[in-house]
Amino acid sequence: MASLRLSNLITRNLSSRAAAHRAMAKAALFADSSTRTRLNRYNHHIEKAQQLEARLAGQQRQEASA
Protein backbone atom coordinates (compact mmCIF):
# COMPACT_ATOMS: atom_id res chain seq x y z
CA MET A 1 0.00 0.00 0.00
CA ALA A 2 1.35 3.39 -0.94
CA SER A 3 2.10 5.64 1.96
CA LEU A 4 0.32 8.97 1.99
CA ARG A 5 2.44 11.85 3.11
CA LEU A 6 1.04 15.22 4.02
CA SER A 7 3.13 16.85 1.29
CA ASN A 8 1.47 14.63 -1.33
CA LEU A 9 -1.97 15.66 -0.13
CA ILE A 10 -1.05 19.34 -0.18
CA THR A 11 0.42 19.00 -3.67
CA ARG A 12 -2.73 17.36 -4.99
CA ASN A 13 -4.85 20.01 -3.32
CA LEU A 14 -2.85 22.87 -4.86
CA SER A 15 -2.94 21.23 -8.25
CA SER A 16 -6.69 20.68 -8.18
CA ARG A 17 -7.31 24.20 -6.85
CA ALA A 18 -5.27 25.65 -9.72
CA ALA A 19 -7.26 23.57 -12.21
CA ALA A 20 -10.50 24.77 -10.63
CA HIS A 21 -9.43 28.41 -10.96
CA ARG A 22 -8.55 27.85 -14.62
CA ALA A 23 -12.02 26.38 -15.17
CA MET A 24 -13.61 29.35 -13.38
CA ALA A 25 -11.58 31.70 -15.59
CA LYS A 26 -12.91 30.02 -18.73
CA ALA A 27 -16.45 30.12 -17.36
CA ALA A 28 -16.07 33.82 -16.57
CA LEU A 29 -15.51 34.54 -20.26
CA PHE A 30 -18.97 33.20 -21.13
CA ALA A 31 -20.90 34.67 -18.21
CA ASP A 32 -23.87 36.94 -18.78
CA SER A 33 -22.03 40.08 -17.63
CA SER A 34 -20.38 43.10 -19.16
CA THR A 35 -17.12 42.64 -21.00
CA ARG A 36 -15.24 44.52 -18.30
CA THR A 37 -16.64 42.30 -15.53
CA ARG A 38 -15.89 39.13 -17.47
CA LEU A 39 -12.32 40.25 -18.11
CA ASN A 40 -11.80 41.19 -14.45
CA ARG A 41 -13.08 37.82 -13.27
CA TYR A 42 -11.00 35.98 -15.87
CA ASN A 43 -7.82 37.85 -14.85
CA HIS A 44 -8.51 37.26 -11.16
CA HIS A 45 -8.88 33.50 -11.59
CA ILE A 46 -5.89 33.16 -13.92
CA GLU A 47 -3.73 35.12 -11.47
CA LYS A 48 -4.86 32.88 -8.60
CA ALA A 49 -4.11 29.75 -10.65
CA GLN A 50 -0.62 31.04 -11.46
CA GLN A 51 0.04 31.77 -7.78
CA LEU A 52 -1.03 28.25 -6.81
CA GLU A 53 1.11 26.71 -9.54
CA ALA A 54 4.12 28.76 -8.38
CA ARG A 55 3.60 27.50 -4.81
CA LEU A 56 3.34 23.96 -6.15
CA ALA A 57 6.57 24.32 -8.14
CA GLY A 58 8.35 25.72 -5.07
CA GLN A 59 7.21 22.81 -2.92
CA GLN A 60 8.33 20.31 -5.53
CA ARG A 61 11.77 21.95 -5.74
CA GLN A 62 12.05 21.80 -1.94
CA GLU A 63 11.13 18.11 -1.88
CA ALA A 64 13.60 17.34 -4.67
CA SER A 65 16.47 19.05 -2.85
CA ALA A 66 15.66 17.42 0.50
PDB file of N, CA and C in Angstrom:
ATOM      1  N   MET A   1       0.840  -1.181   0.000  1.00  0.00           N
ATOM      2  CA  MET A   1       0.000   0.000   0.000  1.00  0.00           C
ATOM      3  C   MET A   1       0.883   1.241   0.000  1.00  0.00           C
ATOM      4  N   ALA A   2       0.556   2.171  -0.851  1.00  0.00           N
ATOM      5  CA  ALA A   2       1.354   3.392  -0.945  1.00  0.00           C
ATOM      6  C   ALA A   2       1.142   4.248   0.298  1.00  0.00           C
ATOM      7  N   SER A   3       2.229   4.787   0.777  1.00  0.00           N
ATOM      8  CA  SER A   3       2.099   5.643   1.956  1.00  0.00           C
ATOM      9  C   SER A   3       1.674   7.045   1.522  1.00  0.00           C
ATOM     10  N   LEU A   4       0.774   7.615   2.273  1.00  0.00           N
ATOM     11  CA  LEU A   4       0.315   8.971   1.992  1.00  0.00           C
ATOM     12  C   LEU A   4       1.042   9.930   2.914  1.00  0.00           C
ATOM     13  N   ARG A   5       1.767  10.827   2.323  1.00  0.00           N
ATOM     14  CA  ARG A   5       2.437  11.851   3.107  1.00  0.00           C
ATOM     15  C   ARG A   5       1.642  13.135   2.996  1.00  0.00           C
ATOM     16  N   LEU A   6       1.763  13.952   4.006  1.00  0.00           N
ATOM     17  CA  LEU A   6       1.044  15.220   4.016  1.00  0.00           C
ATOM     18  C   LEU A   6       1.423  16.070   2.809  1.00  0.00           C
ATOM     19  N   SER A   7       2.693  16.041   2.428  1.00  0.00           N
ATOM     20  CA  SER A   7       3.128  16.855   1.285  1.00  0.00           C
ATOM     21  C   SER A   7       2.440  16.415  -0.002  1.00  0.00           C
ATOM     22  N   ASN A   8       2.180  15.112  -0.151  1.00  0.00           N
ATOM     23  CA  ASN A   8       1.468  14.633  -1.334  1.00  0.00           C
ATOM     24  C   ASN A   8       0.041  15.147  -1.355  1.00  0.00           C
ATOM     25  N   LEU A   9      -0.598  15.165  -0.199  1.00  0.00           N
ATOM     26  CA  LEU A   9      -1.972  15.658  -0.129  1.00  0.00           C
ATOM     27  C   LEU A   9      -2.037  17.149  -0.432  1.00  0.00           C
ATOM     28  N   ILE A  10      -1.079  17.902   0.079  1.00  0.00           N
ATOM     29  CA  ILE A  10      -1.048  19.342  -0.177  1.00  0.00           C
ATOM     30  C   ILE A  10      -0.797  19.601  -1.654  1.00  0.00           C
ATOM     31  N   THR A  11       0.113  18.834  -2.250  1.00  0.00           N
ATOM     32  CA  THR A  11       0.424  18.996  -3.665  1.00  0.00           C
ATOM     33  C   THR A  11      -0.807  18.750  -4.513  1.00  0.00           C
ATOM     34  N   ARG A  12      -1.524  17.662  -4.226  1.00  0.00           N
ATOM     35  CA  ARG A  12      -2.731  17.361  -4.993  1.00  0.00           C
ATOM     36  C   ARG A  12      -3.766  18.458  -4.810  1.00  0.00           C
ATOM     37  N   ASN A  13      -3.872  18.967  -3.594  1.00  0.00           N
ATOM     38  CA  ASN A  13      -4.846  20.011  -3.316  1.00  0.00           C
ATOM     39  C   ASN A  13      -4.508  21.281  -4.098  1.00  0.00           C
ATOM     40  N   LEU A  14      -3.246  21.681  -4.114  1.00  0.00           N
ATOM     41  CA  LEU A  14      -2.848  22.875  -4.857  1.00  0.00           C
ATOM     42  C   LEU A  14      -3.084  22.688  -6.347  1.00  0.00           C
ATOM     43  N   SER A  15      -2.766  21.517  -6.837  1.00  0.00           N
ATOM     44  CA  SER A  15      -2.944  21.234  -8.254  1.00  0.00           C
ATOM     45  C   SER A  15      -4.414  21.283  -8.653  1.00  0.00           C
ATOM     46  N   SER A  16      -5.265  20.685  -7.848  1.00  0.00           N
ATOM     47  CA  SER A  16      -6.691  20.682  -8.181  1.00  0.00           C
ATOM     48  C   SER A  16      -7.302  22.068  -7.995  1.00  0.00           C
ATOM     49  N   ARG A  17      -6.819  22.826  -7.028  1.00  0.00           N
ATOM     50  CA  ARG A  17      -7.313  24.197  -6.854  1.00  0.00           C
ATOM     51  C   ARG A  17      -6.924  25.061  -8.048  1.00  0.00           C
ATOM     52  N   ALA A  18      -5.697  24.888  -8.547  1.00  0.00           N
ATOM     53  CA  ALA A  18      -5.266  25.651  -9.722  1.00  0.00           C
ATOM     54  C   ALA A  18      -6.123  25.289 -10.931  1.00  0.00           C
ATOM     55  N   ALA A  19      -6.407  24.010 -11.098  1.00  0.00           N
ATOM     56  CA  ALA A  19      -7.260  23.573 -12.211  1.00  0.00           C
ATOM     57  C   ALA A  19      -8.666  24.152 -12.076  1.00  0.00           C
ATOM     58  N   ALA A  20      -9.166  24.201 -10.861  1.00  0.00           N
ATOM     59  CA  ALA A  20     -10.501  24.768 -10.633  1.00  0.00           C
ATOM     60  C   ALA A  20     -10.526  26.255 -10.985  1.00  0.00           C
ATOM     61  N   HIS A  21      -9.472  26.978 -10.632  1.00  0.00           N
ATOM     62  CA  HIS A  21      -9.429  28.407 -10.959  1.00  0.00           C
ATOM     63  C   HIS A  21      -9.317  28.621 -12.466  1.00  0.00           C
ATOM     64  N   ARG A  22      -8.605  27.744 -13.152  1.00  0.00           N
ATOM     65  CA  ARG A  22      -8.546  27.852 -14.616  1.00  0.00           C
ATOM     66  C   ARG A  22      -9.926  27.608 -15.227  1.00  0.00           C
ATOM     67  N   ALA A  23     -10.659  26.646 -14.680  1.00  0.00           N
ATOM     68  CA  ALA A  23     -12.018  26.380 -15.167  1.00  0.00           C
ATOM     69  C   ALA A  23     -12.934  27.571 -14.888  1.00  0.00           C
ATOM     70  N   MET A  24     -12.795  28.167 -13.702  1.00  0.00           N
ATOM     71  CA  MET A  24     -13.613  29.345 -13.382  1.00  0.00           C
ATOM     72  C   MET A  24     -13.263  30.518 -14.299  1.00  0.00           C
ATOM     73  N   ALA A  25     -11.992  30.630 -14.676  1.00  0.00           N
ATOM     74  CA  ALA A  25     -11.580  31.700 -15.587  1.00  0.00           C
ATOM     75  C   ALA A  25     -12.245  31.525 -16.945  1.00  0.00           C
ATOM     76  N   LYS A  26     -12.253  30.286 -17.438  1.00  0.00           N
ATOM     77  CA  LYS A  26     -12.909  30.025 -18.726  1.00  0.00           C
ATOM     78  C   LYS A  26     -14.405  30.287 -18.637  1.00  0.00           C
ATOM     79  N   ALA A  27     -15.017  29.886 -17.535  1.00  0.00           N
ATOM     80  CA  ALA A  27     -16.453  30.117 -17.356  1.00  0.00           C
ATOM     81  C   ALA A  27     -16.757  31.611 -17.280  1.00  0.00           C
ATOM     82  N   ALA A  28     -15.853  32.378 -16.705  1.00  0.00           N
ATOM     83  CA  ALA A  28     -16.072  33.821 -16.574  1.00  0.00           C
ATOM     84  C   ALA A  28     -16.168  34.496 -17.939  1.00  0.00           C
ATOM     85  N   LEU A  29     -15.471  33.946 -18.928  1.00  0.00           N
ATOM     86  CA  LEU A  29     -15.511  34.545 -20.261  1.00  0.00           C
ATOM     87  C   LEU A  29     -16.892  34.447 -20.900  1.00  0.00           C
ATOM     88  N   PHE A  30     -17.660  33.434 -20.513  1.00  0.00           N
ATOM     89  CA  PHE A  30     -18.966  33.204 -21.134  1.00  0.00           C
ATOM     90  C   PHE A  30     -20.130  33.595 -20.236  1.00  0.00           C
ATOM     91  N   ALA A  31     -19.844  34.265 -19.138  1.00  0.00           N
ATOM     92  CA  ALA A  31     -20.902  34.670 -18.207  1.00  0.00           C
ATOM     93  C   ALA A  31     -21.759  35.772 -18.832  1.00  0.00           C
ATOM     94  N   ASP A  32     -22.941  35.919 -18.295  1.00  0.00           N
ATOM     95  CA  ASP A  32     -23.865  36.943 -18.784  1.00  0.00           C
ATOM     96  C   ASP A  32     -23.605  38.244 -18.025  1.00  0.00           C
ATOM     97  N   SER A  33     -22.452  38.843 -18.295  1.00  0.00           N
ATOM     98  CA  SER A  33     -22.029  40.080 -17.628  1.00  0.00           C
ATOM     99  C   SER A  33     -21.399  40.992 -18.668  1.00  0.00           C
ATOM    100  N   SER A  34     -21.047  42.179 -18.236  1.00  0.00           N
ATOM    101  CA  SER A  34     -20.381  43.103 -19.157  1.00  0.00           C
ATOM    102  C   SER A  34     -18.983  42.573 -19.485  1.00  0.00           C
ATOM    103  N   THR A  35     -18.454  43.064 -20.573  1.00  0.00           N
ATOM    104  CA  THR A  35     -17.123  42.638 -21.001  1.00  0.00           C
ATOM    105  C   THR A  35     -16.083  42.955 -19.934  1.00  0.00           C
ATOM    106  N   ARG A  36     -16.199  44.113 -19.339  1.00  0.00           N
ATOM    107  CA  ARG A  36     -15.238  44.522 -18.303  1.00  0.00           C
ATOM    108  C   ARG A  36     -15.286  43.570 -17.104  1.00  0.00           C
ATOM    109  N   THR A  37     -16.481  43.211 -16.665  1.00  0.00           N
ATOM    110  CA  THR A  37     -16.643  42.302 -15.528  1.00  0.00           C
ATOM    111  C   THR A  37     -16.095  40.923 -15.862  1.00  0.00           C
ATOM    112  N   ARG A  38     -16.395  40.446 -17.066  1.00  0.00           N
ATOM    113  CA  ARG A  38     -15.891  39.125 -17.468  1.00  0.00           C
ATOM    114  C   ARG A  38     -14.375  39.109 -17.501  1.00  0.00           C
ATOM    115  N   LEU A  39     -13.782  40.169 -18.047  1.00  0.00           N
ATOM    116  CA  LEU A  39     -12.323  40.245 -18.113  1.00  0.00           C
ATOM    117  C   LEU A  39     -11.713  40.318 -16.715  1.00  0.00           C
ATOM    118  N   ASN A  40     -12.305  41.096 -15.829  1.00  0.00           N
ATOM    119  CA  ASN A  40     -11.799  41.191 -14.453  1.00  0.00           C
ATOM    120  C   ASN A  40     -11.853  39.841 -13.752  1.00  0.00           C
ATOM    121  N   ARG A  41     -12.959  39.136 -13.898  1.00  0.00           N
ATOM    122  CA  ARG A  41     -13.084  37.816 -13.272  1.00  0.00           C
ATOM    123  C   ARG A  41     -12.091  36.828 -13.865  1.00  0.00           C
ATOM    124  N   TYR A  42     -11.954  36.866 -15.195  1.00  0.00           N
ATOM    125  CA  TYR A  42     -10.997  35.984 -15.866  1.00  0.00           C
ATOM    126  C   TYR A  42      -9.584  36.237 -15.340  1.00  0.00           C
ATOM    127  N   ASN A  43      -9.175  37.501 -15.322  1.00  0.00           N
ATOM    128  CA  ASN A  43      -7.824  37.845 -14.853  1.00  0.00           C
ATOM    129  C   ASN A  43      -7.609  37.444 -13.400  1.00  0.00           C
ATOM    130  N   HIS A  44      -8.623  37.637 -12.570  1.00  0.00           N
ATOM    131  CA  HIS A  44      -8.510  37.259 -11.159  1.00  0.00           C
ATOM    132  C   HIS A  44      -8.246  35.759 -11.023  1.00  0.00           C
ATOM    133  N   HIS A  45      -9.018  34.949 -11.726  1.00  0.00           N
ATOM    134  CA  HIS A  45      -8.877  33.500 -11.588  1.00  0.00           C
ATOM    135  C   HIS A  45      -7.577  32.985 -12.215  1.00  0.00           C
ATOM    136  N   ILE A  46      -7.160  33.561 -13.315  1.00  0.00           N
ATOM    137  CA  ILE A  46      -5.889  33.164 -13.924  1.00  0.00           C
ATOM    138  C   ILE A  46      -4.730  33.523 -12.998  1.00  0.00           C
ATOM    139  N   GLU A  47      -4.781  34.705 -12.404  1.00  0.00           N
ATOM    140  CA  GLU A  47      -3.730  35.122 -11.468  1.00  0.00           C
ATOM    141  C   GLU A  47      -3.658  34.172 -10.274  1.00  0.00           C
ATOM    142  N   LYS A  48      -4.805  33.804  -9.741  1.00  0.00           N
ATOM    143  CA  LYS A  48      -4.855  32.882  -8.599  1.00  0.00           C
ATOM    144  C   LYS A  48      -4.285  31.520  -8.995  1.00  0.00           C
ATOM    145  N   ALA A  49      -4.631  31.036 -10.181  1.00  0.00           N
ATOM    146  CA  ALA A  49      -4.113  29.754 -10.654  1.00  0.00           C
ATOM    147  C   ALA A  49      -2.590  29.805 -10.791  1.00  0.00           C
ATOM    148  N   GLN A  50      -2.072  30.901 -11.304  1.00  0.00           N
ATOM    149  CA  GLN A  50      -0.623  31.043 -11.457  1.00  0.00           C
ATOM    150  C   GLN A  50       0.080  31.076 -10.103  1.00  0.00           C
ATOM    151  N   GLN A  51      -0.532  31.740  -9.122  1.00  0.00           N
ATOM    152  CA  GLN A  51       0.044  31.767  -7.775  1.00  0.00           C
ATOM    153  C   GLN A  51       0.089  30.363  -7.179  1.00  0.00           C
ATOM    154  N   LEU A  52      -0.985  29.615  -7.340  1.00  0.00           N
ATOM    155  CA  LEU A  52      -1.032  28.253  -6.806  1.00  0.00           C
ATOM    156  C   LEU A  52      -0.005  27.363  -7.493  1.00  0.00           C
ATOM    157  N   GLU A  53       0.135  27.510  -8.808  1.00  0.00           N
ATOM    158  CA  GLU A  53       1.115  26.711  -9.537  1.00  0.00           C
ATOM    159  C   GLU A  53       2.538  27.076  -9.139  1.00  0.00           C
ATOM    160  N   ALA A  54       2.789  28.341  -8.841  1.00  0.00           N
ATOM    161  CA  ALA A  54       4.115  28.757  -8.376  1.00  0.00           C
ATOM    162  C   ALA A  54       4.416  28.143  -7.011  1.00  0.00           C
ATOM    163  N   ARG A  55       3.419  28.140  -6.114  1.00  0.00           N
ATOM    164  CA  ARG A  55       3.598  27.497  -4.805  1.00  0.00           C
ATOM    165  C   ARG A  55       3.879  26.012  -4.977  1.00  0.00           C
ATOM    166  N   LEU A  56       3.162  25.385  -5.889  1.00  0.00           N
ATOM    167  CA  LEU A  56       3.341  23.960  -6.151  1.00  0.00           C
ATOM    168  C   LEU A  56       4.752  23.681  -6.664  1.00  0.00           C
ATOM    169  N   ALA A  57       5.224  24.496  -7.595  1.00  0.00           N
ATOM    170  CA  ALA A  57       6.574  24.322  -8.135  1.00  0.00           C
ATOM    171  C   ALA A  57       7.625  24.517  -7.046  1.00  0.00           C
ATOM    172  N   GLY A  58       7.421  25.488  -6.176  1.00  0.00           N
ATOM    173  CA  GLY A  58       8.351  25.720  -5.071  1.00  0.00           C
ATOM    174  C   GLY A  58       8.406  24.549  -4.116  1.00  0.00           C
ATOM    175  N   GLN A  59       7.246  23.972  -3.815  1.00  0.00           N
ATOM    176  CA  GLN A  59       7.212  22.809  -2.923  1.00  0.00           C
ATOM    177  C   GLN A  59       7.901  21.610  -3.562  1.00  0.00           C
ATOM    178  N   GLN A  60       7.702  21.437  -4.852  1.00  0.00           N
ATOM    179  CA  GLN A  60       8.327  20.307  -5.530  1.00  0.00           C
ATOM    180  C   GLN A  60       9.837  20.472  -5.586  1.00  0.00           C
ATOM    181  N   ARG A  61      10.316  21.710  -5.762  1.00  0.00           N
ATOM    182  CA  ARG A  61      11.765  21.951  -5.738  1.00  0.00           C
ATOM    183  C   ARG A  61      12.335  21.654  -4.362  1.00  0.00           C
ATOM    184  N   GLN A  62      11.593  22.050  -3.310  1.00  0.00           N
ATOM    185  CA  GLN A  62      12.046  21.798  -1.940  1.00  0.00           C
ATOM    186  C   GLN A  62      12.139  20.305  -1.675  1.00  0.00           C
ATOM    187  N   GLU A  63      11.136  19.553  -2.105  1.00  0.00           N
ATOM    188  CA  GLU A  63      11.133  18.111  -1.881  1.00  0.00           C
ATOM    189  C   GLU A  63      12.256  17.436  -2.651  1.00  0.00           C
ATOM    190  N   ALA A  64      12.546  17.929  -3.852  1.00  0.00           N
ATOM    191  CA  ALA A  64      13.598  17.335  -4.667  1.00  0.00           C
ATOM    192  C   ALA A  64      14.976  17.582  -4.056  1.00  0.00           C
ATOM    193  N   SER A  65      15.160  18.733  -3.435  1.00  0.00           N
ATOM    194  CA  SER A  65      16.466  19.048  -2.852  1.00  0.00           C
ATOM    195  C   SER A  65      16.652  18.420  -1.473  1.00  0.00           C
ATOM    196  N   ALA A  66      15.572  18.000  -0.852  1.00  0.00           N
ATOM    197  CA  ALA A  66      15.662  17.416   0.497  1.00  0.00           C
ATOM    198  C   ALA A  66      16.070  15.964   0.460  1.00  0.00           C
TER     199      ALA A  66
END
